[in-house]
Amino acid sequence: MIIILFGTVPFFQKQLTSEEYNDIKTGIEGDTLSQKNSWEQKIAPALRRPGLEKTDGYYRVIVEFSSKRTDEVYLIIKTHQGRIYRQTGIIPGVTAEVPFAVIPVLARSKQVKRIWLDSSIKIC
């Protein structure tokens, strides 16, 4: 494909096929843009294990923020009887204890970048 540039606007000599367009949409890792923005991808693999969705228990998670706005995240956690423990220091986020059913709701929020399972660490 030959690209001619006039200023900053590219002009293509031929029309792109749908396959060529999809190739441009595909990222370096092979994920399409729609997959990168998918809410399921925001949930860590440890929280996507089969069978977890059937439990009624609470999970301690780390919710990583995607921006400085966090009001929606706090509202979702508190409305679903979750508990916020503290803000994280290394990444912008909070540790919280939430019912499993809330995890997909949090993942759908634009204010959430990633949700991790929080592990307890024993210091000897």
C-alpha atoms as a PDB file:
ATOM      1  CA  MET A   1       0.000   0.000   0.000  1.00  0.00           C
ATOM      2  CA  ILE A   2       1.347   3.420  -0.909  1.00  0.00           C
ATOM      3  CA  ILE A   3       0.573   6.312   1.424  1.00  0.00           C
ATOM      4  CA  ILE A   4       0.923   9.894   0.265  1.00  0.00           C
ATOM      5  CA  LEU A   5       1.038  12.483   3.018  1.00  0.00           C
ATOM      6  CA  PHE A   6      -0.176  16.048   2.533  1.00  0.00           C
ATOM      7  CA  GLY A   7       0.384  17.853   5.817  1.00  0.00           C
ATOM      8  CA  THR A   8      -0.801  15.406   8.456  1.00  0.00           C
ATOM      9  CA  VAL A   9      -3.718  13.788   6.604  1.00  0.00           C
ATOM     10  CA  PRO A  10      -2.894  10.470   4.837  1.00  0.00           C
ATOM     11  CA  PHE A  11      -4.493   9.772   1.459  1.00  0.00           C
ATOM     12  CA  PHE A  12      -4.685   6.138   0.393  1.00  0.00           C
ATOM     13  CA  GLN A  13      -4.414   5.194  -3.251  1.00  0.00           C
ATOM     14  CA  LYS A  14      -6.744   2.251  -2.769  1.00  0.00           C
ATOM     15  CA  GLN A  15      -9.735   1.518  -0.581  1.00  0.00           C
ATOM     16  CA  LEU A  16      -9.089  -0.722   2.455  1.00  0.00           C
ATOM     17  CA  THR A  17     -10.735  -4.135   2.494  1.00  0.00           C
ATOM     18  CA  SER A  18     -12.429  -5.311   5.688  1.00  0.00           C
ATOM     19  CA  GLU A  19      -9.551  -7.747   6.275  1.00  0.00           C
ATOM     20  CA  GLU A  20      -6.971  -4.953   5.984  1.00  0.00           C
ATOM     21  CA  TYR A  21      -9.040  -2.794   8.325  1.00  0.00           C
ATOM     22  CA  ASN A  22      -9.157  -5.617  10.902  1.00  0.00           C
ATOM     23  CA  ASP A  23      -5.387  -6.031  10.586  1.00  0.00           C
ATOM     24  CA  ILE A  24      -4.957  -2.347  11.479  1.00  0.00           C
ATOM     25  CA  LYS A  25      -7.339  -2.744  14.434  1.00  0.00           C
ATOM     26  CA  THR A  26      -5.350  -5.721  15.729  1.00  0.00           C
ATOM     27  CA  GLY A  27      -2.823  -4.733  18.381  1.00  0.00           C
ATOM     28  CA  ILE A  28       0.711  -5.997  18.816  1.00  0.00           C
ATOM     29  CA  GLU A  29      -0.387  -8.745  21.230  1.00  0.00           C
ATOM     30  CA  GLY A  30      -2.995  -9.994  18.770  1.00  0.00           C
ATOM     31  CA  ASP A  31      -5.910  -8.571  20.762  1.00  0.00           C
ATOM     32  CA  THR A  32      -8.444  -6.471  18.916  1.00  0.00           C
ATOM     33  CA  LEU A  33      -9.363  -3.119  20.368  1.00  0.00           C
ATOM     34  CA  SER A  34     -12.754  -4.419  21.457  1.00  0.00           C
ATOM     35  CA  GLN A  35     -11.095  -7.250  23.401  1.00  0.00           C
ATOM     36  CA  LYS A  36      -8.700  -4.834  25.123  1.00  0.00           C
ATOM     37  CA  ASN A  37     -11.668  -2.805  26.387  1.00  0.00           C
ATOM     38  CA  SER A  38     -13.680  -5.848  27.439  1.00  0.00           C
ATOM     39  CA  TRP A  39     -14.746  -5.899  31.083  1.00  0.00           C
ATOM     40  CA  GLU A  40     -13.896  -9.610  31.394  1.00  0.00           C
ATOM     41  CA  GLN A  41     -10.238  -8.819  30.697  1.00  0.00           C
ATOM     42  CA  LYS A  42     -10.160  -6.450  33.694  1.00  0.00           C
ATOM     43  CA  ILE A  43     -10.708  -9.369  36.091  1.00  0.00           C
ATOM     44  CA  ALA A  44      -7.543 -11.230  37.145  1.00  0.00           C
ATOM     45  CA  PRO A  45      -7.361 -14.944  36.203  1.00  0.00           C
ATOM     46  CA  ALA A  46      -7.535 -15.982  39.888  1.00  0.00           C
ATOM     47  CA  LEU A  47     -11.030 -14.443  40.036  1.00  0.00           C
ATOM     48  CA  ARG A  48     -12.147 -16.074  36.782  1.00  0.00           C
ATOM     49  CA  ARG A  49     -11.706 -19.679  37.944  1.00  0.00           C
ATOM     50  CA  PRO A  50     -14.712 -21.917  37.282  1.00  0.00           C
ATOM     51  CA  GLY A  51     -16.968 -22.423  40.282  1.00  0.00           C
ATOM     52  CA  LEU A  52     -16.224 -19.122  42.042  1.00  0.00           C
ATOM     53  CA  GLU A  53     -19.401 -17.535  40.711  1.00  0.00           C
ATOM     54  CA  LYS A  54     -21.482 -20.046  42.693  1.00  0.00           C
ATOM     55  CA  THR A  55     -20.128 -18.964  46.071  1.00  0.00           C
ATOM     56  CA  ASP A  56     -21.941 -16.512  48.283  1.00  0.00           C
ATOM     57  CA  GLY A  57     -18.832 -15.427  50.152  1.00  0.00           C
ATOM     58  CA  TYR A  58     -16.963 -12.167  50.172  1.00  0.00           C
ATOM     59  CA  TYR A  59     -13.634 -11.756  48.404  1.00  0.00           C
ATOM     60  CA  ARG A  60     -10.857  -9.397  49.329  1.00  0.00           C
ATOM     61  CA  VAL A  61      -9.775  -7.670  46.119  1.00  0.00           C
ATOM     62  CA  ILE A  62      -7.550  -4.875  44.914  1.00  0.00           C
ATOM     63  CA  VAL A  63      -9.387  -2.501  42.589  1.00  0.00           C
ATOM     64  CA  GLU A  64      -6.953  -0.573  40.391  1.00  0.00           C
ATOM     65  CA  PHE A  65      -8.276   2.751  39.130  1.00  0.00           C
ATOM     66  CA  SER A  66      -7.986   3.860  35.503  1.00  0.00           C
ATOM     67  CA  SER A  67      -8.300   7.564  36.315  1.00  0.00           C
ATOM     68  CA  LYS A  68      -8.416  10.010  39.198  1.00  0.00           C
ATOM     69  CA  ARG A  69     -12.221   9.814  39.338  1.00  0.00           C
ATOM     70  CA  THR A  70     -13.219   7.137  41.812  1.00  0.00           C
ATOM     71  CA  ASP A  71     -16.707   8.130  42.969  1.00  0.00           C
ATOM     72  CA  GLU A  72     -18.468   5.401  40.976  1.00  0.00           C
ATOM     73  CA  VAL A  73     -16.194   2.669  42.362  1.00  0.00           C
ATOM     74  CA  TYR A  74     -16.799   3.705  45.973  1.00  0.00           C
ATOM     75  CA  LEU A  75     -20.545   3.913  45.331  1.00  0.00           C
ATOM     76  CA  ILE A  76     -20.694   0.423  43.783  1.00  0.00           C
ATOM     77  CA  ILE A  77     -18.754  -1.131  46.677  1.00  0.00           C
ATOM     78  CA  LYS A  78     -20.797   0.547  49.402  1.00  0.00           C
ATOM     79  CA  THR A  79     -24.169  -0.070  47.714  1.00  0.00           C
ATOM     80  CA  HIS A  80     -23.504  -3.812  47.500  1.00  0.00           C
ATOM     81  CA  GLN A  81     -22.526  -4.154  51.178  1.00  0.00           C
ATOM     82  CA  GLY A  82     -18.820  -4.167  50.402  1.00  0.00           C
ATOM     83  CA  ARG A  83     -16.165  -2.793  52.708  1.00  0.00           C
ATOM     84  CA  ILE A  84     -13.231  -0.592  51.692  1.00  0.00           C
ATOM     85  CA  TYR A  85     -10.107  -1.281  53.743  1.00  0.00           C
ATOM     86  CA  ARG A  86      -7.529   1.195  52.511  1.00  0.00           C
ATOM     87  CA  GLN A  87      -6.021   2.946  49.525  1.00  0.00           C
ATOM     88  CA  THR A  88      -3.045   1.258  47.924  1.00  0.00           C
ATOM     89  CA  GLY A  89       0.258   3.082  47.855  1.00  0.00           C
ATOM     90  CA  ILE A  90       2.024   1.648  44.810  1.00  0.00           C
ATOM     91  CA  ILE A  91      -0.832   1.663  42.314  1.00  0.00           C
ATOM     92  CA  PRO A  92      -3.860   3.991  42.275  1.00  0.00           C
ATOM     93  CA  GLY A  93      -6.551   1.862  43.856  1.00  0.00           C
ATOM     94  CA  VAL A  94      -8.152   0.420  46.985  1.00  0.00           C
ATOM     95  CA  THR A  95      -8.357  -2.893  48.768  1.00  0.00           C
ATOM     96  CA  ALA A  96     -11.929  -3.934  49.457  1.00  0.00           C
ATOM     97  CA  GLU A  97     -14.022  -6.896  50.501  1.00  0.00           C
ATOM     98  CA  VAL A  98     -16.944  -7.476  48.146  1.00  0.00           C
ATOM     99  CA  PRO A  99     -19.461 -10.210  47.287  1.00  0.00           C
ATOM    100  CA  PHE A 100     -18.485 -12.149  44.155  1.00  0.00           C
ATOM    101  CA  ALA A 101     -21.523 -10.837  42.247  1.00  0.00           C
ATOM    102  CA  VAL A 102     -20.146  -7.272  42.513  1.00  0.00           C
ATOM    103  CA  ILE A 103     -16.875  -8.058  40.722  1.00  0.00           C
ATOM    104  CA  PRO A 104     -18.400  -7.979  37.193  1.00  0.00           C
ATOM    105  CA  VAL A 105     -20.276  -4.780  38.095  1.00  0.00           C
ATOM    106  CA  LEU A 106     -17.001  -3.148  39.142  1.00  0.00           C
ATOM    107  CA  ALA A 107     -15.243  -4.415  36.025  1.00  0.00           C
ATOM    108  CA  ARG A 108     -17.843  -2.738  33.788  1.00  0.00           C
ATOM    109  CA  SER A 109     -17.006   0.656  35.300  1.00  0.00           C
ATOM    110  CA  LYS A 110     -14.812   2.918  33.171  1.00  0.00           C
ATOM    111  CA  GLN A 111     -13.095   4.027  36.376  1.00  0.00           C
ATOM    112  CA  VAL A 112     -11.685   0.513  36.948  1.00  0.00           C
ATOM    113  CA  LYS A 113      -8.531  -0.602  35.172  1.00  0.00           C
ATOM    114  CA  ARG A 114      -8.071  -4.035  36.770  1.00  0.00           C
ATOM    115  CA  ILE A 115      -9.373  -6.170  39.654  1.00  0.00           C
ATOM    116  CA  TRP A 116      -6.947  -8.449  41.479  1.00  0.00           C
ATOM    117  CA  LEU A 117      -7.451 -11.044  44.196  1.00  0.00           C
ATOM    118  CA  ASP A 118      -5.776  -9.730  47.351  1.00  0.00           C
ATOM    119  CA  SER A 119      -3.515 -12.259  49.018  1.00  0.00           C
ATOM    120  CA  SER A 120      -2.613 -12.282  52.663  1.00  0.00           C
ATOM    121  CA  ILE A 121       1.123 -12.321  53.311  1.00  0.00           C
ATOM    122  CA  LYS A 122       2.652 -13.880  56.386  1.00  0.00           C
ATOM    123  CA  ILE A 123       5.736 -12.058  57.633  1.00  0.00           C
ATOM    124  CA  CYS A 124       8.080 -14.241  59.668  1.00  0.00           C
END
